[in-house]
Protein backbone atom coordinates (compact mmCIF):
# COMPACT_ATOMS: atom_id res chain seq x y z
CA LYS A 1 0.00 0.00 0.00
CA GLU A 2 1.29 3.44 -0.86
CA ASN A 3 0.72 5.09 2.51
CA SER A 4 2.42 2.30 4.49
CA SER A 5 5.43 2.15 2.15
CA GLU A 6 6.00 5.87 2.68
CA SER A 7 6.13 5.43 6.45
CA ILE A 8 8.54 2.47 6.09
CA LEU A 9 11.15 4.67 4.44
CA SER A 10 10.56 7.88 6.37
CA SER A 11 12.15 7.03 9.74
CA ALA A 12 14.70 9.68 10.71
CA ASN A 13 16.77 7.06 12.55
CA ARG A 14 16.96 4.53 9.68
CA LEU A 15 20.18 4.31 7.67
CA LEU A 16 20.49 3.00 4.12
CA LEU A 17 23.58 0.78 4.18
CA HIS A 18 23.59 -0.58 0.63
CA GLU A 19 21.42 -0.89 -2.46
CA GLY A 20 21.73 -2.71 -5.74
CA LYS A 21 20.29 -4.83 -8.51
CA LEU A 22 20.05 -8.64 -8.30
CA MET A 23 18.35 -11.55 -10.01
CA LEU A 24 15.87 -13.42 -7.84
CA ALA A 25 15.30 -17.06 -8.75
CA GLU A 26 11.62 -17.87 -8.40
CA SER A 27 10.29 -21.37 -8.97
CA THR A 28 10.12 -21.18 -12.77
CA ARG A 29 11.70 -17.85 -13.75
CA LEU A 30 14.28 -15.19 -12.97
CA LEU A 31 13.10 -11.82 -11.72
CA ASP A 32 15.00 -8.51 -11.80
CA VAL A 33 14.90 -7.05 -8.30
CA TYR A 34 16.43 -4.02 -6.60
CA LEU A 35 17.39 -4.44 -2.94
CA PHE A 36 17.61 -1.78 -0.26
CA LEU A 37 19.56 -2.84 2.84
CA PHE A 38 18.75 -0.62 5.80
CA ASP A 39 20.26 -0.94 9.26
CA ASP A 40 17.11 -2.71 10.51
CA PHE A 41 15.56 -4.51 7.49
CA LEU A 42 15.99 -5.64 3.89
CA LEU A 43 13.50 -4.33 1.33
CA ILE A 44 13.10 -6.23 -1.96
CA THR A 45 11.52 -4.35 -4.83
CA LYS A 46 10.55 -5.53 -8.29
CA ILE A 47 12.05 -3.64 -11.20
CA LYS A 48 9.50 -2.50 -13.76
CA ARG A 49 10.23 -0.78 -17.03
CA ASN A 50 7.79 1.70 -18.52
CA LYS A 51 7.40 1.61 -22.27
CA LYS A 52 6.93 5.40 -22.24
CA LYS A 53 9.56 7.65 -20.70
CA TYR A 54 8.52 9.85 -17.79
CA GLY A 55 7.60 13.36 -18.90
CA GLY A 56 7.93 12.64 -22.60
CA SER A 57 11.34 13.14 -24.15
CA ASP A 58 12.66 15.69 -21.62
CA THR A 59 13.88 13.59 -18.71
CA SER A 60 15.81 16.47 -17.10
CA LEU A 61 12.59 17.49 -15.31
CA ILE A 62 12.39 14.29 -13.26
CA PRO A 63 12.75 15.07 -9.54
CA LEU A 64 15.36 12.69 -8.12
CA CYS A 65 16.75 12.16 -4.67
CA PRO A 66 20.50 12.95 -4.76
CA SER A 67 21.22 10.04 -2.39
CA LEU A 68 20.14 7.46 -5.01
CA THR A 69 22.93 5.63 -6.79
CA PRO A 70 23.71 6.80 -10.33
CA GLU A 71 22.51 3.39 -11.58
CA LEU A 72 19.07 3.85 -9.99
CA GLN A 73 18.83 7.50 -11.10
CA SER A 74 19.57 6.42 -14.69
CA PHE A 75 17.00 3.64 -14.47
CA ILE A 76 14.32 6.10 -13.26
CA ARG A 77 15.20 8.58 -16.02
CA GLU A 78 14.63 5.80 -18.56
CA GLY A 79 11.07 5.40 -17.27
CA GLY A 80 11.69 2.53 -14.84
CA PHE A 81 10.38 2.24 -11.31
CA CYS A 82 10.46 -0.17 -8.37
CA THR A 83 7.48 -1.62 -6.52
CA VAL A 84 7.74 -3.36 -3.16
CA LEU A 85 7.69 -7.12 -3.78
CA ASP A 86 6.91 -8.30 -0.25
CA GLN A 87 7.05 -7.19 3.36
CA PRO A 88 10.42 -5.89 4.55
CA ILE A 89 12.57 -8.59 6.17
CA PRO A 90 13.83 -7.61 9.65
CA LEU A 91 17.59 -8.17 9.90
CA ASP A 92 17.21 -10.07 13.17
CA ARG A 93 15.20 -12.71 11.22
CA LEU A 94 17.46 -12.83 8.16
CA ILE A 95 19.96 -15.64 7.59
CA LEU A 96 22.58 -15.29 4.86
CA LYS A 97 24.30 -18.25 3.25
CA ASN A 98 27.02 -18.47 0.61
CA VAL A 99 25.97 -20.55 -2.37
CA GLU A 100 27.94 -21.75 -5.36
CA PRO A 101 27.14 -19.94 -8.62
CA VAL A 102 24.83 -21.95 -10.86
């Protein structure tokens, strides 16, 4: 929901530690995702690409947050956006494992 996702990201005490693009292996397909690792949870978003560019051909008018990585800023300028895939995963419930590349 839009209103709850805004409150998730608006905490003044929350720190963004890392962000980046990954491929998520679902049961029958691969999904482009963009992860946001905060100091208290991991947020997985689904990458979507718009067929039309935002604001027509002039993308210099797009308001962007300067703290976004250049990769994400470029993606947004090209008409892409991210939607939250699932509930944020609290870091105290997250287990990371190294796996061999497939």
